[in-house]
């Protein structure tokens, strides 16, 4: 996870949110439920960079159902469930990654 922490700090110029550190420490290979899948560090970095989300201050966390993706807004830690073809189409928002994990019972 040290590579991910270094990448995060260099990319966003801030420390990782505590709930992201906690999640990645507990689930280094990601987590899933019937409703969503959260990725591990390498996939988060790859998908974030592939979609150039770092330039917009977002982190690609994983997927909702087949049509939605989960984005973390780095500035305030909010998580958004958005349409995969139009990230401005928000289907749901969560105050934090911890709230999302608790609501969706991600294992």
PDB file of N, CA and C in Angstrom:
ATOM      1  N   UNK A   1       0.819  -1.194   0.000  1.00  0.00           N
ATOM      2  CA  UNK A   1       0.000   0.000   0.000  1.00  0.00           C
ATOM      3  C   UNK A   1       0.864   1.260   0.000  1.00  0.00           C
ATOM      4  N   UNK A   2       2.143   1.138   0.308  1.00  0.00           N
ATOM      5  CA  UNK A   2       2.998   2.328   0.333  1.00  0.00           C
ATOM      6  C   UNK A   2       3.106   2.970  -1.048  1.00  0.00           C
ATOM      7  N   UNK A   3       3.113   2.146  -2.108  1.00  0.00           N
ATOM      8  CA  UNK A   3       3.126   2.706  -3.465  1.00  0.00           C
ATOM      9  C   UNK A   3       1.869   3.521  -3.724  1.00  0.00           C
ATOM     10  N   UNK A   4       0.734   2.999  -3.277  1.00  0.00           N
ATOM     11  CA  UNK A   4      -0.531   3.698  -3.476  1.00  0.00           C
ATOM     12  C   UNK A   4      -0.547   5.007  -2.694  1.00  0.00           C
ATOM     13  N   UNK A   5      -0.082   4.976  -1.447  1.00  0.00           N
ATOM     14  CA  UNK A   5      -0.034   6.200  -0.638  1.00  0.00           C
ATOM     15  C   UNK A   5       0.848   7.252  -1.304  1.00  0.00           C
ATOM     16  N   UNK A   6       1.992   6.824  -1.820  1.00  0.00           N
ATOM     17  CA  UNK A   6       2.901   7.757  -2.505  1.00  0.00           C
ATOM     18  C   UNK A   6       2.249   8.326  -3.753  1.00  0.00           C
ATOM     19  N   UNK A   7       1.614   7.454  -4.534  1.00  0.00           N
ATOM     20  CA  UNK A   7       0.924   7.905  -5.741  1.00  0.00           C
ATOM     21  C   UNK A   7      -0.180   8.890  -5.382  1.00  0.00           C
ATOM     22  N   UNK A   8      -0.974   8.573  -4.368  1.00  0.00           N
ATOM     23  CA  UNK A   8      -2.077   9.437  -3.956  1.00  0.00           C
ATOM     24  C   UNK A   8      -1.562  10.816  -3.562  1.00  0.00           C
ATOM     25  N   UNK A   9      -0.530  10.850  -2.729  1.00  0.00           N
ATOM     26  CA  UNK A   9       0.037  12.120  -2.254  1.00  0.00           C
ATOM     27  C   UNK A   9       0.596  12.928  -3.426  1.00  0.00           C
ATOM     28  N   UNK A  10       1.317  12.270  -4.322  1.00  0.00           N
ATOM     29  CA  UNK A  10       1.900  12.961  -5.478  1.00  0.00           C
ATOM     30  C   UNK A  10       0.823  13.441  -6.453  1.00  0.00           C
ATOM     31  N   UNK A  11      -0.225  12.665  -6.607  1.00  0.00           N
ATOM     32  CA  UNK A  11      -1.282  12.983  -7.564  1.00  0.00           C
ATOM     33  C   UNK A  11      -2.207  14.086  -7.075  1.00  0.00           C
ATOM     34  N   UNK A  12      -2.618  14.009  -5.815  1.00  0.00           N
ATOM     35  CA  UNK A  12      -3.632  14.927  -5.291  1.00  0.00           C
ATOM     36  C   UNK A  12      -3.070  15.982  -4.342  1.00  0.00           C
ATOM     37  N   UNK A  13      -1.801  15.833  -3.970  1.00  0.00           N
ATOM     38  CA  UNK A  13      -1.130  16.783  -3.078  1.00  0.00           C
ATOM     39  C   UNK A  13      -1.803  16.893  -1.708  1.00  0.00           C
ATOM     40  N   UNK A  14      -2.416  15.810  -1.263  1.00  0.00           N
ATOM     41  CA  UNK A  14      -3.013  15.702   0.073  1.00  0.00           C
ATOM     42  C   UNK A  14      -2.778  14.279   0.577  1.00  0.00           C
ATOM     43  N   UNK A  15      -2.932  14.107   1.879  1.00  0.00           N
ATOM     44  CA  UNK A  15      -2.848  12.767   2.457  1.00  0.00           C
ATOM     45  C   UNK A  15      -4.131  12.005   2.135  1.00  0.00           C
ATOM     46  N   UNK A  16      -4.037  10.689   2.135  1.00  0.00           N
ATOM     47  CA  UNK A  16      -5.217   9.859   1.891  1.00  0.00           C
ATOM     48  C   UNK A  16      -6.219  10.025   3.024  1.00  0.00           C
ATOM     49  N   UNK A  17      -7.520  10.068   2.708  1.00  0.00           N
ATOM     50  CA  UNK A  17      -8.536  10.103   3.764  1.00  0.00           C
ATOM     51  C   UNK A  17      -8.411   8.859   4.648  1.00  0.00           C
ATOM     52  N   UNK A  18      -8.655   9.034   5.936  1.00  0.00           N
ATOM     53  CA  UNK A  18      -8.504   7.935   6.889  1.00  0.00           C
ATOM     54  C   UNK A  18      -9.363   6.724   6.537  1.00  0.00           C
ATOM     55  N   UNK A  19     -10.592   6.954   6.062  1.00  0.00           N
ATOM     56  CA  UNK A  19     -11.430   5.794   5.752  1.00  0.00           C
ATOM     57  C   UNK A  19     -10.930   5.034   4.529  1.00  0.00           C
ATOM     58  N   UNK A  20     -10.216   5.700   3.623  1.00  0.00           N
ATOM     59  CA  UNK A  20      -9.607   5.007   2.488  1.00  0.00           C
ATOM     60  C   UNK A  20      -8.413   4.179   2.968  1.00  0.00           C
ATOM     61  N   UNK A  21      -7.620   4.740   3.865  1.00  0.00           N
ATOM     62  CA  UNK A  21      -6.498   4.001   4.453  1.00  0.00           C
ATOM     63  C   UNK A  21      -7.029   2.758   5.165  1.00  0.00           C
ATOM     64  N   UNK A  22      -8.081   2.937   5.948  1.00  0.00           N
ATOM     65  CA  UNK A  22      -8.679   1.824   6.692  1.00  0.00           C
ATOM     66  C   UNK A  22      -9.192   0.743   5.746  1.00  0.00           C
ATOM     67  N   UNK A  23      -9.921   1.156   4.712  1.00  0.00           N
ATOM     68  CA  UNK A  23     -10.458   0.193   3.746  1.00  0.00           C
ATOM     69  C   UNK A  23      -9.337  -0.595   3.083  1.00  0.00           C
ATOM     70  N   UNK A  24      -8.315   0.091   2.575  1.00  0.00           N
ATOM     71  CA  UNK A  24      -7.241  -0.594   1.859  1.00  0.00           C
ATOM     72  C   UNK A  24      -6.408  -1.471   2.785  1.00  0.00           C
ATOM     73  N   UNK A  25      -6.312  -1.099   4.048  1.00  0.00           N
ATOM     74  CA  UNK A  25      -5.600  -1.937   5.018  1.00  0.00           C
ATOM     75  C   UNK A  25      -6.381  -3.218   5.300  1.00  0.00           C
ATOM     76  N   UNK A  26      -7.692  -3.077   5.421  1.00  0.00           N
ATOM     77  CA  UNK A  26      -8.550  -4.232   5.715  1.00  0.00           C
ATOM     78  C   UNK A  26      -8.798  -5.107   4.488  1.00  0.00           C
ATOM     79  N   UNK A  27      -8.892  -4.489   3.330  1.00  0.00           N
ATOM     80  CA  UNK A  27      -9.263  -5.204   2.102  1.00  0.00           C
ATOM     81  C   UNK A  27      -8.287  -4.878   0.967  1.00  0.00           C
ATOM     82  N   UNK A  28      -7.030  -5.306   1.065  1.00  0.00           N
ATOM     83  CA  UNK A  28      -6.045  -4.938   0.038  1.00  0.00           C
ATOM     84  C   UNK A  28      -6.364  -5.476  -1.359  1.00  0.00           C
ATOM     85  N   UNK A  29      -7.219  -6.486  -1.441  1.00  0.00           N
ATOM     86  CA  UNK A  29      -7.597  -7.035  -2.743  1.00  0.00           C
ATOM     87  C   UNK A  29      -8.962  -6.560  -3.203  1.00  0.00           C
ATOM     88  N   UNK A  30      -9.548  -5.613  -2.472  1.00  0.00           N
ATOM     89  CA  UNK A  30     -10.866  -5.112  -2.818  1.00  0.00           C
ATOM     90  C   UNK A  30     -11.951  -5.801  -2.015  1.00  0.00           C
ATOM     91  N   UNK A  31     -13.187  -5.402  -2.259  1.00  0.00           N
ATOM     92  CA  UNK A  31     -14.332  -5.949  -1.535  1.00  0.00           C
ATOM     93  C   UNK A  31     -15.543  -5.925  -2.455  1.00  0.00           C
ATOM     94  N   UNK A  32     -16.505  -6.798  -2.164  1.00  0.00           N
ATOM     95  CA  UNK A  32     -17.704  -6.809  -3.003  1.00  0.00           C
ATOM     96  C   UNK A  32     -18.930  -7.229  -2.203  1.00  0.00           C
ATOM     97  N   UNK A  33     -20.072  -6.890  -2.762  1.00  0.00           N
ATOM     98  CA  UNK A  33     -21.372  -7.308  -2.246  1.00  0.00           C
ATOM     99  C   UNK A  33     -22.256  -7.507  -3.466  1.00  0.00           C
ATOM    100  N   UNK A  34     -23.520  -7.789  -3.245  1.00  0.00           N
ATOM    101  CA  UNK A  34     -24.431  -7.926  -4.382  1.00  0.00           C
ATOM    102  C   UNK A  34     -24.637  -6.595  -5.094  1.00  0.00           C
ATOM    103  N   UNK A  35     -24.395  -5.495  -4.397  1.00  0.00           N
ATOM    104  CA  UNK A  35     -24.683  -4.173  -4.950  1.00  0.00           C
ATOM    105  C   UNK A  35     -23.476  -3.463  -5.554  1.00  0.00           C
ATOM    106  N   UNK A  36     -22.264  -3.808  -5.116  1.00  0.00           N
ATOM    107  CA  UNK A  36     -21.103  -3.044  -5.578  1.00  0.00           C
ATOM    108  C   UNK A  36     -19.812  -3.835  -5.407  1.00  0.00           C
ATOM    109  N   UNK A  37     -18.787  -3.371  -6.122  1.00  0.00           N
ATOM    110  CA  UNK A  37     -17.435  -3.904  -5.986  1.00  0.00           C
ATOM    111  C   UNK A  37     -16.487  -2.735  -5.808  1.00  0.00           C
ATOM    112  N   UNK A  38     -15.672  -2.796  -4.765  1.00  0.00           N
ATOM    113  CA  UNK A  38     -14.613  -1.813  -4.560  1.00  0.00           C
ATOM    114  C   UNK A  38     -13.296  -2.468  -4.933  1.00  0.00           C
ATOM    115  N   UNK A  39     -12.460  -1.741  -5.666  1.00  0.00           N
ATOM    116  CA  UNK A  39     -11.204  -2.288  -6.152  1.00  0.00           C
ATOM    117  C   UNK A  39     -10.085  -2.174  -5.130  1.00  0.00           C
ATOM    118  N   UNK A  40      -9.006  -2.905  -5.400  1.00  0.00           N
ATOM    119  CA  UNK A  40      -7.774  -2.787  -4.635  1.00  0.00           C
ATOM    120  C   UNK A  40      -6.940  -1.641  -5.188  1.00  0.00           C
ATOM    121  N   UNK A  41      -5.810  -1.330  -4.560  1.00  0.00           N
ATOM    122  CA  UNK A  41      -5.009  -0.153  -4.923  1.00  0.00           C
ATOM    123  C   UNK A  41      -4.553  -0.088  -6.380  1.00  0.00           C
ATOM    124  N   UNK A  42      -4.052  -1.194  -6.930  1.00  0.00           N
ATOM    125  CA  UNK A  42      -3.548  -1.150  -8.310  1.00  0.00           C
ATOM    126  C   UNK A  42      -4.653  -0.832  -9.305  1.00  0.00           C
ATOM    127  N   UNK A  43      -5.805  -1.465  -9.113  1.00  0.00           N
ATOM    128  CA  UNK A  43      -6.930  -1.203 -10.015  1.00  0.00           C
ATOM    129  C   UNK A  43      -7.454   0.220  -9.853  1.00  0.00           C
ATOM    130  N   UNK A  44      -7.496   0.713  -8.623  1.00  0.00           N
ATOM    131  CA  UNK A  44      -7.940   2.092  -8.391  1.00  0.00           C
ATOM    132  C   UNK A  44      -7.035   3.061  -9.145  1.00  0.00           C
ATOM    133  N   UNK A  45      -5.723   2.874  -9.022  1.00  0.00           N
ATOM    134  CA  UNK A  45      -4.780   3.754  -9.734  1.00  0.00           C
ATOM    135  C   UNK A  45      -4.968   3.648 -11.242  1.00  0.00           C
ATOM    136  N   UNK A  46      -5.041   2.430 -11.753  1.00  0.00           N
ATOM    137  CA  UNK A  46      -5.146   2.224 -13.198  1.00  0.00           C
ATOM    138  C   UNK A  46      -6.417   2.842 -13.771  1.00  0.00           C
ATOM    139  N   UNK A  47      -7.555   2.572 -13.155  1.00  0.00           N
ATOM    140  CA  UNK A  47      -8.823   3.106 -13.665  1.00  0.00           C
ATOM    141  C   UNK A  47      -8.898   4.630 -13.512  1.00  0.00           C
ATOM    142  N   UNK A  48      -8.350   5.147 -12.424  1.00  0.00           N
ATOM    143  CA  UNK A  48      -8.347   6.600 -12.218  1.00  0.00           C
ATOM    144  C   UNK A  48      -7.526   7.280 -13.308  1.00  0.00           C
ATOM    145  N   UNK A  49      -6.326   6.762 -13.568  1.00  0.00           N
ATOM    146  CA  UNK A  49      -5.452   7.366 -14.581  1.00  0.00           C
ATOM    147  C   UNK A  49      -5.995   7.166 -15.993  1.00  0.00           C
ATOM    148  N   UNK A  50      -6.527   5.990 -16.259  1.00  0.00           N
ATOM    149  CA  UNK A  50      -7.077   5.700 -17.587  1.00  0.00           C
ATOM    150  C   UNK A  50      -8.175   6.690 -17.964  1.00  0.00           C
ATOM    151  N   UNK A  51      -8.959   7.089 -16.982  1.00  0.00           N
ATOM    152  CA  UNK A  51     -10.074   8.010 -17.220  1.00  0.00           C
ATOM    153  C   UNK A  51      -9.725   9.462 -16.904  1.00  0.00           C
ATOM    154  N   UNK A  52      -8.460   9.691 -16.545  1.00  0.00           N
ATOM    155  CA  UNK A  52      -7.947  11.035 -16.238  1.00  0.00           C
ATOM    156  C   UNK A  52      -8.772  11.732 -15.161  1.00  0.00           C
ATOM    157  N   UNK A  53      -9.211  10.971 -14.180  1.00  0.00           N
ATOM    158  CA  UNK A  53     -10.036  11.522 -13.102  1.00  0.00           C
ATOM    159  C   UNK A  53      -9.223  12.313 -12.093  1.00  0.00           C
ATOM    160  N   UNK A  54      -7.929  12.019 -11.994  1.00  0.00           N
ATOM    161  CA  UNK A  54      -7.098  12.741 -11.036  1.00  0.00           C
ATOM    162  C   UNK A  54      -7.083  14.233 -11.345  1.00  0.00           C
ATOM    163  N   UNK A  55      -7.200  14.580 -12.609  1.00  0.00           N
ATOM    164  CA  UNK A  55      -7.216  15.990 -13.005  1.00  0.00           C
ATOM    165  C   UNK A  55      -8.473  16.704 -12.500  1.00  0.00           C
ATOM    166  N   UNK A  56      -9.516  15.931 -12.242  1.00  0.00           N
ATOM    167  CA  UNK A  56     -10.789  16.497 -11.769  1.00  0.00           C
ATOM    168  C   UNK A  56     -10.965  16.332 -10.262  1.00  0.00           C
ATOM    169  N   UNK A  57      -9.963  15.734  -9.600  1.00  0.00           N
ATOM    170  CA  UNK A  57     -10.030  15.565  -8.151  1.00  0.00           C
ATOM    171  C   UNK A  57     -10.833  14.364  -7.692  1.00  0.00           C
ATOM    172  N   UNK A  58     -10.959  13.361  -8.560  1.00  0.00           N
ATOM    173  CA  UNK A  58     -11.714  12.160  -8.217  1.00  0.00           C
ATOM    174  C   UNK A  58     -10.832  10.920  -8.279  1.00  0.00           C
ATOM    175  N   UNK A  59     -11.279   9.906  -7.581  1.00  0.00           N
ATOM    176  CA  UNK A  59     -10.612   8.609  -7.536  1.00  0.00           C
ATOM    177  C   UNK A  59     -11.641   7.558  -7.934  1.00  0.00           C
ATOM    178  N   UNK A  60     -11.291   6.690  -8.851  1.00  0.00           N
ATOM    179  CA  UNK A  60     -12.193   5.626  -9.316  1.00  0.00           C
ATOM    180  C   UNK A  60     -12.106   4.467  -8.330  1.00  0.00           C
ATOM    181  N   UNK A  61     -13.154   4.261  -7.533  1.00  0.00           N
ATOM    182  CA  UNK A  61     -13.134   3.244  -6.474  1.00  0.00           C
ATOM    183  C   UNK A  61     -13.596   1.866  -6.917  1.00  0.00           C
ATOM    184  N   UNK A  62     -14.539   1.809  -7.848  1.00  0.00           N
ATOM    185  CA  UNK A  62     -15.082   0.513  -8.245  1.00  0.00           C
ATOM    186  C   UNK A  62     -16.360   0.674  -9.032  1.00  0.00           C
ATOM    187  N   UNK A  63     -17.188  -0.355  -8.968  1.00  0.00           N
ATOM    188  CA  UNK A  63     -18.417  -0.357  -9.751  1.00  0.00           C
ATOM    189  C   UNK A  63     -19.632  -0.599  -8.871  1.00  0.00           C
ATOM    190  N   UNK A  64     -20.747  -0.053  -9.326  1.00  0.00           N
ATOM    191  CA  UNK A  64     -22.030  -0.358  -8.699  1.00  0.00           C
ATOM    192  C   UNK A  64     -22.599  -1.536  -9.447  1.00  0.00           C
ATOM    193  N   UNK A  65     -23.785  -1.365 -10.002  1.00  0.00           N
ATOM    194  CA  UNK A  65     -24.317  -2.426 -10.852  1.00  0.00           C
ATOM    195  C   UNK A  65     -23.608  -2.345 -12.200  1.00  0.00           C
ATOM    196  N   UNK A  66     -24.125  -2.954 -13.194  1.00  0.00           N
ATOM    197  CA  UNK A  66     -23.436  -2.996 -14.488  1.00  0.00           C
ATOM    198  C   UNK A  66     -23.348  -1.637 -15.178  1.00  0.00           C
ATOM    199  N   UNK A  67     -24.134  -0.669 -14.756  1.00  0.00           N
ATOM    200  CA  UNK A  67     -24.171   0.612 -15.449  1.00  0.00           C
ATOM    201  C   UNK A  67     -23.570   1.768 -14.659  1.00  0.00           C
ATOM    202  N   UNK A  68     -23.156   1.530 -13.436  1.00  0.00           N
ATOM    203  CA  UNK A  68     -22.680   2.610 -12.575  1.00  0.00           C
ATOM    204  C   UNK A  68     -21.262   2.365 -12.086  1.00  0.00           C
ATOM    205  N   UNK A  69     -20.581   3.459 -11.766  1.00  0.00           N
ATOM    206  CA  UNK A  69     -19.255   3.380 -11.164  1.00  0.00           C
ATOM    207  C   UNK A  69     -19.238   4.209  -9.884  1.00  0.00           C
ATOM    208  N   UNK A  70     -18.294   3.902  -9.011  1.00  0.00           N
ATOM    209  CA  UNK A  70     -18.143   4.605  -7.739  1.00  0.00           C
ATOM    210  C   UNK A  70     -16.922   5.507  -7.798  1.00  0.00           C
ATOM    211  N   UNK A  71     -17.136   6.787  -7.519  1.00  0.00           N
ATOM    212  CA  UNK A  71     -16.055   7.767  -7.526  1.00  0.00           C
ATOM    213  C   UNK A  71     -15.943   8.418  -6.155  1.00  0.00           C
ATOM    214  N   UNK A  72     -14.718   8.589  -5.687  1.00  0.00           N
ATOM    215  CA  UNK A  72     -14.471   9.301  -4.439  1.00  0.00           C
ATOM    216  C   UNK A  72     -13.987  10.701  -4.777  1.00  0.00           C
ATOM    217  N   UNK A  73     -14.635  11.703  -4.232  1.00  0.00           N
ATOM    218  CA  UNK A  73     -14.202  13.090  -4.404  1.00  0.00           C
ATOM    219  C   UNK A  73     -13.129  13.354  -3.350  1.00  0.00           C
ATOM    220  N   UNK A  74     -11.909  13.563  -3.792  1.00  0.00           N
ATOM    221  CA  UNK A  74     -10.769  13.664  -2.885  1.00  0.00           C
ATOM    222  C   UNK A  74     -10.898  14.843  -1.931  1.00  0.00           C
ATOM    223  N   UNK A  75     -11.428  15.953  -2.379  1.00  0.00           N
ATOM    224  CA  UNK A  75     -11.486  17.168  -1.556  1.00  0.00           C
ATOM    225  C   UNK A  75     -12.263  16.986  -0.265  1.00  0.00           C
ATOM    226  N   UNK A  76     -13.360  16.211  -0.305  1.00  0.00           N
ATOM    227  CA  UNK A  76     -14.182  16.083   0.904  1.00  0.00           C
ATOM    228  C   UNK A  76     -14.514  14.645   1.294  1.00  0.00           C
ATOM    229  N   UNK A  77     -14.053  13.679   0.522  1.00  0.00           N
ATOM    230  CA  UNK A  77     -14.261  12.281   0.874  1.00  0.00           C
ATOM    231  C   UNK A  77     -15.621  11.713   0.526  1.00  0.00           C
ATOM    232  N   UNK A  78     -16.469  12.504  -0.132  1.00  0.00           N
ATOM    233  CA  UNK A  78     -17.776  11.984  -0.539  1.00  0.00           C
ATOM    234  C   UNK A  78     -17.593  10.947  -1.643  1.00  0.00           C
ATOM    235  N   UNK A  79     -18.496   9.973  -1.670  1.00  0.00           N
ATOM    236  CA  UNK A  79     -18.480   8.940  -2.697  1.00  0.00           C
ATOM    237  C   UNK A  79     -19.754   9.073  -3.520  1.00  0.00           C
ATOM    238  N   UNK A  80     -19.599   9.000  -4.832  1.00  0.00           N
ATOM    239  CA  UNK A  80     -20.733   9.145  -5.744  1.00  0.00           C
ATOM    240  C   UNK A  80     -20.890   7.893  -6.593  1.00  0.00           C
ATOM    241  N   UNK A  81     -22.121   7.453  -6.741  1.00  0.00           N
ATOM    242  CA  UNK A  81     -22.476   6.392  -7.667  1.00  0.00           C
ATOM    243  C   UNK A  81     -22.978   7.097  -8.917  1.00  0.00           C
ATOM    244  N   UNK A  82     -22.234   6.961 -10.011  1.00  0.00           N
ATOM    245  CA  UNK A  82     -22.540   7.720 -11.222  1.00  0.00           C
ATOM    246  C   UNK A  82     -22.694   6.795 -12.422  1.00  0.00           C
ATOM    247  N   UNK A  83     -23.374   7.303 -13.437  1.00  0.00           N
ATOM    248  CA  UNK A  83     -23.536   6.577 -14.688  1.00  0.00           C
ATOM    249  C   UNK A  83     -22.166   6.409 -15.340  1.00  0.00           C
ATOM    250  N   UNK A  84     -21.869   5.216 -15.827  1.00  0.00           N
ATOM    251  CA  UNK A  84     -20.552   4.954 -16.404  1.00  0.00           C
ATOM    252  C   UNK A  84     -20.274   5.735 -17.686  1.00  0.00           C
ATOM    253  N   UNK A  85     -21.305   6.201 -18.365  1.00  0.00           N
ATOM    254  CA  UNK A  85     -21.097   6.955 -19.595  1.00  0.00           C
ATOM    255  C   UNK A  85     -21.161   8.461 -19.395  1.00  0.00           C
ATOM    256  N   UNK A  86     -21.700   8.895 -18.261  1.00  0.00           N
ATOM    257  CA  UNK A  86     -21.813  10.323 -17.964  1.00  0.00           C
ATOM    258  C   UNK A  86     -21.651  10.523 -16.460  1.00  0.00           C
ATOM    259  N   UNK A  87     -20.437  10.841 -16.046  1.00  0.00           N
ATOM    260  CA  UNK A  87     -20.126  10.951 -14.620  1.00  0.00           C
ATOM    261  C   UNK A  87     -20.874  12.088 -13.928  1.00  0.00           C
ATOM    262  N   UNK A  88     -21.503  12.970 -14.691  1.00  0.00           N
ATOM    263  CA  UNK A  88     -22.281  14.045 -14.075  1.00  0.00           C
ATOM    264  C   UNK A  88     -23.691  13.586 -13.713  1.00  0.00           C
ATOM    265  N   UNK A  89     -24.064  12.404 -14.168  1.00  0.00           N
ATOM    266  CA  UNK A  89     -25.368  11.826 -13.844  1.00  0.00           C
ATOM    267  C   UNK A  89     -25.213  11.000 -12.565  1.00  0.00           C
ATOM    268  N   UNK A  90     -25.512  11.619 -11.424  1.00  0.00           N
ATOM    269  CA  UNK A  90     -25.317  10.991 -10.112  1.00  0.00           C
ATOM    270  C   UNK A  90     -26.578  10.238  -9.703  1.00  0.00           C
ATOM    271  N   UNK A  91     -26.415   8.945  -9.441  1.00  0.00           N
ATOM    272  CA  UNK A  91     -27.533   8.119  -8.986  1.00  0.00           C
ATOM    273  C   UNK A  91     -27.650   8.112  -7.468  1.00  0.00           C
ATOM    274  N   UNK A  92     -26.524   8.248  -6.773  1.00  0.00           N
ATOM    275  CA  UNK A  92     -26.531   8.270  -5.306  1.00  0.00           C
ATOM    276  C   UNK A  92     -25.233   8.900  -4.817  1.00  0.00           C
ATOM    277  N   UNK A  93     -25.295   9.459  -3.628  1.00  0.00           N
ATOM    278  CA  UNK A  93     -24.070   9.979  -3.012  1.00  0.00           C
ATOM    279  C   UNK A  93     -24.024   9.519  -1.562  1.00  0.00           C
ATOM    280  N   UNK A  94     -22.819   9.364  -1.072  1.00  0.00           N
ATOM    281  CA  UNK A  94     -22.585   8.892   0.284  1.00  0.00           C
ATOM    282  C   UNK A  94     -21.615   9.847   0.957  1.00  0.00           C
ATOM    283  N   UNK A  95     -21.855  10.138   2.208  1.00  0.00           N
ATOM    284  CA  UNK A  95     -21.040  11.101   2.944  1.00  0.00           C
ATOM    285  C   UNK A  95     -19.571  10.688   2.998  1.00  0.00           C
ATOM    286  N   UNK A  96     -19.334   9.378   3.022  1.00  0.00           N
ATOM    287  CA  UNK A  96     -17.957   8.893   3.112  1.00  0.00           C
ATOM    288  C   UNK A  96     -17.878   7.450   2.622  1.00  0.00           C
ATOM    289  N   UNK A  97     -16.665   6.982   2.460  1.00  0.00           N
ATOM    290  CA  UNK A  97     -16.438   5.595   2.089  1.00  0.00           C
ATOM    291  C   UNK A  97     -16.931   4.658   3.186  1.00  0.00           C
ATOM    292  N   UNK A  98     -16.777   5.054   4.425  1.00  0.00           N
ATOM    293  CA  UNK A  98     -17.255   4.242   5.547  1.00  0.00           C
ATOM    294  C   UNK A  98     -18.764   4.059   5.486  1.00  0.00           C
ATOM    295  N   UNK A  99     -19.492   5.121   5.199  1.00  0.00           N
ATOM    296  CA  UNK A  99     -20.953   5.032   5.077  1.00  0.00           C
ATOM    297  C   UNK A  99     -21.321   4.078   3.945  1.00  0.00           C
ATOM    298  N   UNK A 100     -20.671   4.215   2.801  1.00  0.00           N
ATOM    299  CA  UNK A 100     -20.928   3.323   1.664  1.00  0.00           C
ATOM    300  C   UNK A 100     -20.686   1.871   2.055  1.00  0.00           C
ATOM    301  N   UNK A 101     -19.559   1.600   2.674  1.00  0.00           N
ATOM    302  CA  UNK A 101     -19.223   0.225   3.066  1.00  0.00           C
ATOM    303  C   UNK A 101     -20.253  -0.344   4.036  1.00  0.00           C
ATOM    304  N   UNK A 102     -20.677   0.459   4.985  1.00  0.00           N
ATOM    305  CA  UNK A 102     -21.658  -0.016   5.962  1.00  0.00           C
ATOM    306  C   UNK A 102     -23.023  -0.270   5.328  1.00  0.00           C
ATOM    307  N   UNK A 103     -23.462   0.619   4.461  1.00  0.00           N
ATOM    308  CA  UNK A 103     -24.773   0.461   3.827  1.00  0.00           C
ATOM    309  C   UNK A 103     -24.829  -0.731   2.882  1.00  0.00           C
ATOM    310  N   UNK A 104     -23.747  -0.960   2.159  1.00  0.00           N
ATOM    311  CA  UNK A 104     -23.743  -2.029   1.161  1.00  0.00           C
ATOM    312  C   UNK A 104     -23.175  -3.336   1.688  1.00  0.00           C
ATOM    313  N   UNK A 105     -22.750  -3.347   2.939  1.00  0.00           N
ATOM    314  CA  UNK A 105     -22.212  -4.552   3.569  1.00  0.00           C
ATOM    315  C   UNK A 105     -21.134  -5.193   2.698  1.00  0.00           C
ATOM    316  N   UNK A 106     -20.156  -4.391   2.308  1.00  0.00           N
ATOM    317  CA  UNK A 106     -19.079  -4.876   1.443  1.00  0.00           C
ATOM    318  C   UNK A 106     -18.144  -5.792   2.216  1.00  0.00           C
ATOM    319  N   UNK A 107     -17.918  -6.973   1.685  1.00  0.00           N
ATOM    320  CA  UNK A 107     -17.071  -7.982   2.341  1.00  0.00           C
ATOM    321  C   UNK A 107     -15.742  -8.117   1.633  1.00  0.00           C
TER     322      UNK A 107
END
